[in-house]
Amino acid sequence: MFGERLDTLPAGSRQSLGEDIVLVQPYELPTEAGTEAGMARERELISLLGPECFYDHERRTLPTRRPVLDAFGQPLH
């Protein structure tokens, strides 16, 4: 779904977990969630990956771009 956009993320916020699986985390510790720095980092990553792929909490709008999955929840290629 994100393709080459994942390559634009800062190295410390992405980790390859195997073929076609990438962990994206805006901060190292869960205690950073909800802090100004943590929220700024989330906004930065969302901006790089594409805001259309994420729920907008301020406007309460659903993402307009979603992955296409098969009946078993697996991505269609």
PDB file of N, CA and C in Angstrom:
ATOM      1  N   MET A   1       0.823  -1.192   0.000  1.00  0.00           N
ATOM      2  CA  MET A   1       0.000   0.000   0.000  1.00  0.00           C
ATOM      3  C   MET A   1       0.870   1.261   0.000  1.00  0.00           C
ATOM      4  N   PHE A   2       1.986   1.215   0.711  1.00  0.00           N
ATOM      5  CA  PHE A   2       2.830   2.407   0.793  1.00  0.00           C
ATOM      6  C   PHE A   2       3.995   2.376  -0.190  1.00  0.00           C
ATOM      7  N   GLY A   3       4.394   1.179  -0.605  1.00  0.00           N
ATOM      8  CA  GLY A   3       5.450   1.040  -1.605  1.00  0.00           C
ATOM      9  C   GLY A   3       6.701   1.830  -1.279  1.00  0.00           C
ATOM     10  N   GLU A   4       7.130   2.612  -2.240  1.00  0.00           N
ATOM     11  CA  GLU A   4       8.374   3.373  -2.113  1.00  0.00           C
ATOM     12  C   GLU A   4       8.298   4.471  -1.050  1.00  0.00           C
ATOM     13  N   ARG A   5       7.101   4.816  -0.622  1.00  0.00           N
ATOM     14  CA  ARG A   5       6.970   5.843   0.425  1.00  0.00           C
ATOM     15  C   ARG A   5       7.671   5.403   1.710  1.00  0.00           C
ATOM     16  N   LEU A   6       7.712   4.094   1.955  1.00  0.00           N
ATOM     17  CA  LEU A   6       8.392   3.599   3.158  1.00  0.00           C
ATOM     18  C   LEU A   6       9.869   3.965   3.148  1.00  0.00           C
ATOM     19  N   ASP A   7      10.452   4.063   1.963  1.00  0.00           N
ATOM     20  CA  ASP A   7      11.865   4.423   1.852  1.00  0.00           C
ATOM     21  C   ASP A   7      12.131   5.866   2.251  1.00  0.00           C
ATOM     22  N   THR A   8      11.094   6.694   2.294  1.00  0.00           N
ATOM     23  CA  THR A   8      11.277   8.104   2.667  1.00  0.00           C
ATOM     24  C   THR A   8      11.272   8.309   4.178  1.00  0.00           C
ATOM     25  N   LEU A   9      10.902   7.263   4.933  1.00  0.00           N
ATOM     26  CA  LEU A   9      10.838   7.393   6.393  1.00  0.00           C
ATOM     27  C   LEU A   9      12.240   7.414   6.989  1.00  0.00           C
ATOM     28  N   PRO A  10      12.420   8.165   8.071  1.00  0.00           N
ATOM     29  CA  PRO A  10      13.712   8.146   8.765  1.00  0.00           C
ATOM     30  C   PRO A  10      14.051   6.716   9.211  1.00  0.00           C
ATOM     31  N   ALA A  11      15.311   6.344   9.094  1.00  0.00           N
ATOM     32  CA  ALA A  11      15.744   4.974   9.392  1.00  0.00           C
ATOM     33  C   ALA A  11      15.328   4.512  10.783  1.00  0.00           C
ATOM     34  N   GLY A  12      15.334   5.364  11.762  1.00  0.00           N
ATOM     35  CA  GLY A  12      14.984   4.975  13.125  1.00  0.00           C
ATOM     36  C   GLY A  12      13.511   4.690  13.340  1.00  0.00           C
ATOM     37  N   SER A  13      12.678   5.006  12.350  1.00  0.00           N
ATOM     38  CA  SER A  13      11.243   4.805  12.527  1.00  0.00           C
ATOM     39  C   SER A  13      10.704   3.632  11.714  1.00  0.00           C
ATOM     40  N   ARG A  14      11.560   2.963  10.969  1.00  0.00           N
ATOM     41  CA  ARG A  14      11.107   1.806  10.195  1.00  0.00           C
ATOM     42  C   ARG A  14      12.077   0.652  10.369  1.00  0.00           C
ATOM     43  N   GLN A  15      11.504  -0.547  10.356  1.00  0.00           N
ATOM     44  CA  GLN A  15      12.323  -1.749  10.512  1.00  0.00           C
ATOM     45  C   GLN A  15      11.697  -2.856   9.670  1.00  0.00           C
ATOM     46  N   SER A  16      12.504  -3.478   8.836  1.00  0.00           N
ATOM     47  CA  SER A  16      12.025  -4.589   8.037  1.00  0.00           C
ATOM     48  C   SER A  16      11.905  -5.815   8.928  1.00  0.00           C
ATOM     49  N   LEU A  17      10.743  -6.471   8.859  1.00  0.00           N
ATOM     50  CA  LEU A  17      10.499  -7.674   9.654  1.00  0.00           C
ATOM     51  C   LEU A  17      10.422  -8.919   8.772  1.00  0.00           C
ATOM     52  N   GLY A  18      10.800  -8.782   7.550  1.00  0.00           N
ATOM     53  CA  GLY A  18      10.758  -9.899   6.622  1.00  0.00           C
ATOM     54  C   GLY A  18      10.204  -9.444   5.293  1.00  0.00           C
ATOM     55  N   GLU A  19       9.966 -10.406   4.436  1.00  0.00           N
ATOM     56  CA  GLU A  19       9.482 -10.104   3.099  1.00  0.00           C
ATOM     57  C   GLU A  19       8.133  -9.390   3.152  1.00  0.00           C
ATOM     58  N   ASP A  20       8.086  -8.199   2.616  1.00  0.00           N
ATOM     59  CA  ASP A  20       6.857  -7.395   2.518  1.00  0.00           C
ATOM     60  C   ASP A  20       6.261  -6.970   3.852  1.00  0.00           C
ATOM     61  N   ILE A  21       7.017  -7.042   4.951  1.00  0.00           N
ATOM     62  CA  ILE A  21       6.508  -6.606   6.254  1.00  0.00           C
ATOM     63  C   ILE A  21       7.465  -5.571   6.824  1.00  0.00           C
ATOM     64  N   VAL A  22       6.923  -4.403   7.142  1.00  0.00           N
ATOM     65  CA  VAL A  22       7.725  -3.318   7.700  1.00  0.00           C
ATOM     66  C   VAL A  22       7.020  -2.784   8.937  1.00  0.00           C
ATOM     67  N   LEU A  23       7.764  -2.678  10.027  1.00  0.00           N
ATOM     68  CA  LEU A  23       7.252  -2.074  11.252  1.00  0.00           C
ATOM     69  C   LEU A  23       7.557  -0.586  11.200  1.00  0.00           C
ATOM     70  N   VAL A  24       6.528   0.229  11.370  1.00  0.00           N
ATOM     71  CA  VAL A  24       6.690   1.686  11.419  1.00  0.00           C
ATOM     72  C   VAL A  24       6.279   2.133  12.805  1.00  0.00           C
ATOM     73  N   GLN A  25       7.200   2.785  13.496  1.00  0.00           N
ATOM     74  CA  GLN A  25       6.872   3.304  14.823  1.00  0.00           C
ATOM     75  C   GLN A  25       7.453   4.706  14.958  1.00  0.00           C
ATOM     76  N   PRO A  26       6.609   5.647  15.347  1.00  0.00           N
ATOM     77  CA  PRO A  26       7.044   7.033  15.414  1.00  0.00           C
ATOM     78  C   PRO A  26       7.987   7.335  16.581  1.00  0.00           C
ATOM     79  N   TYR A  27       7.984   6.470  17.595  1.00  0.00           N
ATOM     80  CA  TYR A  27       8.830   6.704  18.767  1.00  0.00           C
ATOM     81  C   TYR A  27       9.230   5.361  19.355  1.00  0.00           C
ATOM     82  N   GLU A  28      10.292   5.374  20.148  1.00  0.00           N
ATOM     83  CA  GLU A  28      10.799   4.132  20.724  1.00  0.00           C
ATOM     84  C   GLU A  28       9.935   3.610  21.865  1.00  0.00           C
ATOM     85  N   LEU A  29       9.478   4.498  22.726  1.00  0.00           N
ATOM     86  CA  LEU A  29       8.759   4.087  23.926  1.00  0.00           C
ATOM     87  C   LEU A  29       7.288   4.487  23.869  1.00  0.00           C
ATOM     88  N   PRO A  30       6.392   3.621  24.343  1.00  0.00           N
ATOM     89  CA  PRO A  30       4.968   3.966  24.363  1.00  0.00           C
ATOM     90  C   PRO A  30       4.665   5.203  25.201  1.00  0.00           C
ATOM     91  N   THR A  31       5.511   5.508  26.162  1.00  0.00           N
ATOM     92  CA  THR A  31       5.291   6.683  27.003  1.00  0.00           C
ATOM     93  C   THR A  31       5.430   7.980  26.220  1.00  0.00           C
ATOM     94  N   GLU A  32       5.991   7.913  25.024  1.00  0.00           N
ATOM     95  CA  GLU A  32       6.126   9.100  24.184  1.00  0.00           C
ATOM     96  C   GLU A  32       4.825   9.424  23.438  1.00  0.00           C
ATOM     97  N   ALA A  33       3.907   8.459  23.379  1.00  0.00           N
ATOM     98  CA  ALA A  33       2.619   8.699  22.725  1.00  0.00           C
ATOM     99  C   ALA A  33       1.851   9.760  23.520  1.00  0.00           C
ATOM    100  N   GLY A  34       1.215  10.652  22.803  1.00  0.00           N
ATOM    101  CA  GLY A  34       0.430  11.686  23.465  1.00  0.00           C
ATOM    102  C   GLY A  34       1.221  12.907  23.871  1.00  0.00           C
ATOM    103  N   THR A  35       2.550  12.832  23.815  1.00  0.00           N
ATOM    104  CA  THR A  35       3.365  14.011  24.110  1.00  0.00           C
ATOM    105  C   THR A  35       3.418  14.887  22.861  1.00  0.00           C
ATOM    106  N   GLU A  36       3.773  16.137  23.031  1.00  0.00           N
ATOM    107  CA  GLU A  36       3.897  17.034  21.876  1.00  0.00           C
ATOM    108  C   GLU A  36       4.903  16.489  20.872  1.00  0.00           C
ATOM    109  N   ALA A  37       6.051  16.020  21.357  1.00  0.00           N
ATOM    110  CA  ALA A  37       7.079  15.476  20.462  1.00  0.00           C
ATOM    111  C   ALA A  37       6.570  14.221  19.756  1.00  0.00           C
ATOM    112  N   GLY A  38       5.877  13.366  20.482  1.00  0.00           N
ATOM    113  CA  GLY A  38       5.341  12.147  19.893  1.00  0.00           C
ATOM    114  C   GLY A  38       4.297  12.428  18.836  1.00  0.00           C
ATOM    115  N   MET A  39       3.405  13.348  19.121  1.00  0.00           N
ATOM    116  CA  MET A  39       2.359  13.697  18.158  1.00  0.00           C
ATOM    117  C   MET A  39       2.957  14.381  16.921  1.00  0.00           C
ATOM    118  N   ALA A  40       3.994  15.186  17.125  1.00  0.00           N
ATOM    119  CA  ALA A  40       4.667  15.819  15.986  1.00  0.00           C
ATOM    120  C   ALA A  40       5.323  14.761  15.106  1.00  0.00           C
ATOM    121  N   ARG A  41       5.920  13.770  15.728  1.00  0.00           N
ATOM    122  CA  ARG A  41       6.556  12.679  14.978  1.00  0.00           C
ATOM    123  C   ARG A  41       5.494  11.880  14.211  1.00  0.00           C
ATOM    124  N   GLU A  42       4.350  11.620  14.825  1.00  0.00           N
ATOM    125  CA  GLU A  42       3.259  10.919  14.139  1.00  0.00           C
ATOM    126  C   GLU A  42       2.812  11.712  12.913  1.00  0.00           C
ATOM    127  N   ARG A  43       2.623  13.014  13.076  1.00  0.00           N
ATOM    128  CA  ARG A  43       2.199  13.861  11.955  1.00  0.00           C
ATOM    129  C   ARG A  43       3.225  13.837  10.824  1.00  0.00           C
ATOM    130  N   GLU A  44       4.512  13.825  11.191  1.00  0.00           N
ATOM    131  CA  GLU A  44       5.575  13.782  10.189  1.00  0.00           C
ATOM    132  C   GLU A  44       5.497  12.484   9.377  1.00  0.00           C
ATOM    133  N   LEU A  45       5.351  11.358  10.065  1.00  0.00           N
ATOM    134  CA  LEU A  45       5.293  10.075   9.365  1.00  0.00           C
ATOM    135  C   LEU A  45       4.030   9.959   8.518  1.00  0.00           C
ATOM    136  N   ILE A  46       2.907  10.441   9.040  1.00  0.00           N
ATOM    137  CA  ILE A  46       1.663  10.421   8.283  1.00  0.00           C
ATOM    138  C   ILE A  46       1.798  11.272   7.027  1.00  0.00           C
ATOM    139  N   SER A  47       2.455  12.401   7.145  1.00  0.00           N
ATOM    140  CA  SER A  47       2.673  13.271   6.002  1.00  0.00           C
ATOM    141  C   SER A  47       3.518  12.572   4.938  1.00  0.00           C
ATOM    142  N   LEU A  48       4.544  11.854   5.367  1.00  0.00           N
ATOM    143  CA  LEU A  48       5.418  11.149   4.422  1.00  0.00           C
ATOM    144  C   LEU A  48       4.717   9.954   3.772  1.00  0.00           C
ATOM    145  N   LEU A  49       3.902   9.245   4.529  1.00  0.00           N
ATOM    146  CA  LEU A  49       3.236   8.059   4.001  1.00  0.00           C
ATOM    147  C   LEU A  49       1.965   8.383   3.219  1.00  0.00           C
ATOM    148  N   GLY A  50       1.383   9.545   3.502  1.00  0.00           N
ATOM    149  CA  GLY A  50       0.174   9.963   2.806  1.00  0.00           C
ATOM    150  C   GLY A  50      -1.002  10.067   3.749  1.00  0.00           C
ATOM    151  N   PRO A  51      -1.437  11.267   4.071  1.00  0.00           N
ATOM    152  CA  PRO A  51      -2.529  11.461   5.025  1.00  0.00           C
ATOM    153  C   PRO A  51      -3.828  10.780   4.599  1.00  0.00           C
ATOM    154  N   GLU A  52      -3.985  10.512   3.304  1.00  0.00           N
ATOM    155  CA  GLU A  52      -5.202   9.855   2.829  1.00  0.00           C
ATOM    156  C   GLU A  52      -5.314   8.410   3.319  1.00  0.00           C
ATOM    157  N   CYS A  53      -4.246   7.876   3.896  1.00  0.00           N
ATOM    158  CA  CYS A  53      -4.223   6.488   4.370  1.00  0.00           C
ATOM    159  C   CYS A  53      -4.540   6.358   5.860  1.00  0.00           C
ATOM    160  N   PHE A  54      -4.802   7.461   6.527  1.00  0.00           N
ATOM    161  CA  PHE A  54      -4.969   7.440   7.981  1.00  0.00           C
ATOM    162  C   PHE A  54      -6.249   8.136   8.411  1.00  0.00           C
ATOM    163  N   TYR A  55      -6.783   7.688   9.538  1.00  0.00           N
ATOM    164  CA  TYR A  55      -7.930   8.362  10.149  1.00  0.00           C
ATOM    165  C   TYR A  55      -7.482   9.744  10.602  1.00  0.00           C
ATOM    166  N   ASP A  56      -8.285  10.753  10.311  1.00  0.00           N
ATOM    167  CA  ASP A  56      -7.990  12.126  10.715  1.00  0.00           C
ATOM    168  C   ASP A  56      -8.767  12.419  11.993  1.00  0.00           C
ATOM    169  N   HIS A  57      -8.053  12.436  13.119  1.00  0.00           N
ATOM    170  CA  HIS A  57      -8.692  12.627  14.421  1.00  0.00           C
ATOM    171  C   HIS A  57      -9.271  14.031  14.588  1.00  0.00           C
ATOM    172  N   GLU A  58      -8.621  15.021  14.004  1.00  0.00           N
ATOM    173  CA  GLU A  58      -9.107  16.395  14.139  1.00  0.00           C
ATOM    174  C   GLU A  58     -10.434  16.589  13.395  1.00  0.00           C
ATOM    175  N   ARG A  59     -10.521  16.030  12.197  1.00  0.00           N
ATOM    176  CA  ARG A  59     -11.724  16.199  11.373  1.00  0.00           C
ATOM    177  C   ARG A  59     -12.695  15.025  11.509  1.00  0.00           C
ATOM    178  N   ARG A  60     -12.245  13.968  12.191  1.00  0.00           N
ATOM    179  CA  ARG A  60     -13.049  12.748  12.374  1.00  0.00           C
ATOM    180  C   ARG A  60     -13.483  12.162  11.034  1.00  0.00           C
ATOM    181  N   THR A  61     -12.500  12.033  10.135  1.00  0.00           N
ATOM    182  CA  THR A  61     -12.784  11.460   8.823  1.00  0.00           C
ATOM    183  C   THR A  61     -11.961  10.194   8.609  1.00  0.00           C
ATOM    184  N   LEU A  62     -12.584   9.242   7.917  1.00  0.00           N
ATOM    185  CA  LEU A  62     -11.935   7.975   7.626  1.00  0.00           C
ATOM    186  C   LEU A  62     -10.892   8.132   6.522  1.00  0.00           C
ATOM    187  N   PRO A  63      -9.954   7.199   6.445  1.00  0.00           N
ATOM    188  CA  PRO A  63      -8.991   7.253   5.341  1.00  0.00           C
ATOM    189  C   PRO A  63      -9.710   7.050   4.015  1.00  0.00           C
ATOM    190  N   THR A  64      -9.219   7.701   2.986  1.00  0.00           N
ATOM    191  CA  THR A  64      -9.814   7.551   1.667  1.00  0.00           C
ATOM    192  C   THR A  64      -9.054   6.536   0.825  1.00  0.00           C
ATOM    193  N   ARG A  65      -7.887   6.129   1.274  1.00  0.00           N
ATOM    194  CA  ARG A  65      -7.084   5.115   0.585  1.00  0.00           C
ATOM    195  C   ARG A  65      -6.869   3.969   1.557  1.00  0.00           C
ATOM    196  N   ARG A  66      -7.298   2.768   1.154  1.00  0.00           N
ATOM    197  CA  ARG A  66      -7.190   1.591   2.016  1.00  0.00           C
ATOM    198  C   ARG A  66      -6.625   0.431   1.217  1.00  0.00           C
ATOM    199  N   PRO A  67      -6.005  -0.533   1.894  1.00  0.00           N
ATOM    200  CA  PRO A  67      -5.501  -1.701   1.151  1.00  0.00           C
ATOM    201  C   PRO A  67      -6.667  -2.551   0.654  1.00  0.00           C
ATOM    202  N   VAL A  68      -6.449  -3.238  -0.437  1.00  0.00           N
ATOM    203  CA  VAL A  68      -7.439  -4.165  -0.964  1.00  0.00           C
ATOM    204  C   VAL A  68      -7.053  -5.550  -0.458  1.00  0.00           C
ATOM    205  N   LEU A  69      -7.969  -6.188   0.282  1.00  0.00           N
ATOM    206  CA  LEU A  69      -7.690  -7.474   0.903  1.00  0.00           C
ATOM    207  C   LEU A  69      -8.595  -8.550   0.325  1.00  0.00           C
ATOM    208  N   ASP A  70      -8.099  -9.798   0.358  1.00  0.00           N
ATOM    209  CA  ASP A  70      -8.945 -10.908  -0.060  1.00  0.00           C
ATOM    210  C   ASP A  70      -9.856 -11.331   1.087  1.00  0.00           C
ATOM    211  N   ALA A  71     -10.618 -12.392   0.916  1.00  0.00           N
ATOM    212  CA  ALA A  71     -11.574 -12.840   1.923  1.00  0.00           C
ATOM    213  C   ALA A  71     -10.913 -13.261   3.224  1.00  0.00           C
ATOM    214  N   PHE A  72      -9.613 -13.544   3.184  1.00  0.00           N
ATOM    215  CA  PHE A  72      -8.881 -13.987   4.373  1.00  0.00           C
ATOM    216  C   PHE A  72      -8.077 -12.860   5.012  1.00  0.00           C
ATOM    217  N   GLY A  73      -8.264 -11.630   4.526  1.00  0.00           N
ATOM    218  CA  GLY A  73      -7.560 -10.487   5.089  1.00  0.00           C
ATOM    219  C   GLY A  73      -6.150 -10.305   4.557  1.00  0.00           C
ATOM    220  N   GLN A  74      -5.823 -11.017   3.481  1.00  0.00           N
ATOM    221  CA  GLN A  74      -4.495 -10.921   2.894  1.00  0.00           C
ATOM    222  C   GLN A  74      -4.523  -9.889   1.753  1.00  0.00           C
ATOM    223  N   PRO A  75      -3.441  -9.101   1.618  1.00  0.00           N
ATOM    224  CA  PRO A  75      -3.409  -8.102   0.549  1.00  0.00           C
ATOM    225  C   PRO A  75      -3.445  -8.770  -0.828  1.00  0.00           C
ATOM    226  N   LEU A  76      -4.180  -8.167  -1.729  1.00  0.00           N
ATOM    227  CA  LEU A  76      -4.170  -8.600  -3.124  1.00  0.00           C
ATOM    228  C   LEU A  76      -3.035  -7.881  -3.827  1.00  0.00           C
ATOM    229  N   HIS A  77      -2.269  -8.602  -4.586  1.00  0.00           N
ATOM    230  CA  HIS A  77      -1.124  -7.974  -5.291  1.00  0.00           C
ATOM    231  C   HIS A  77      -1.448  -7.704  -6.723  1.00  0.00           C
TER     232      HIS A  77
END
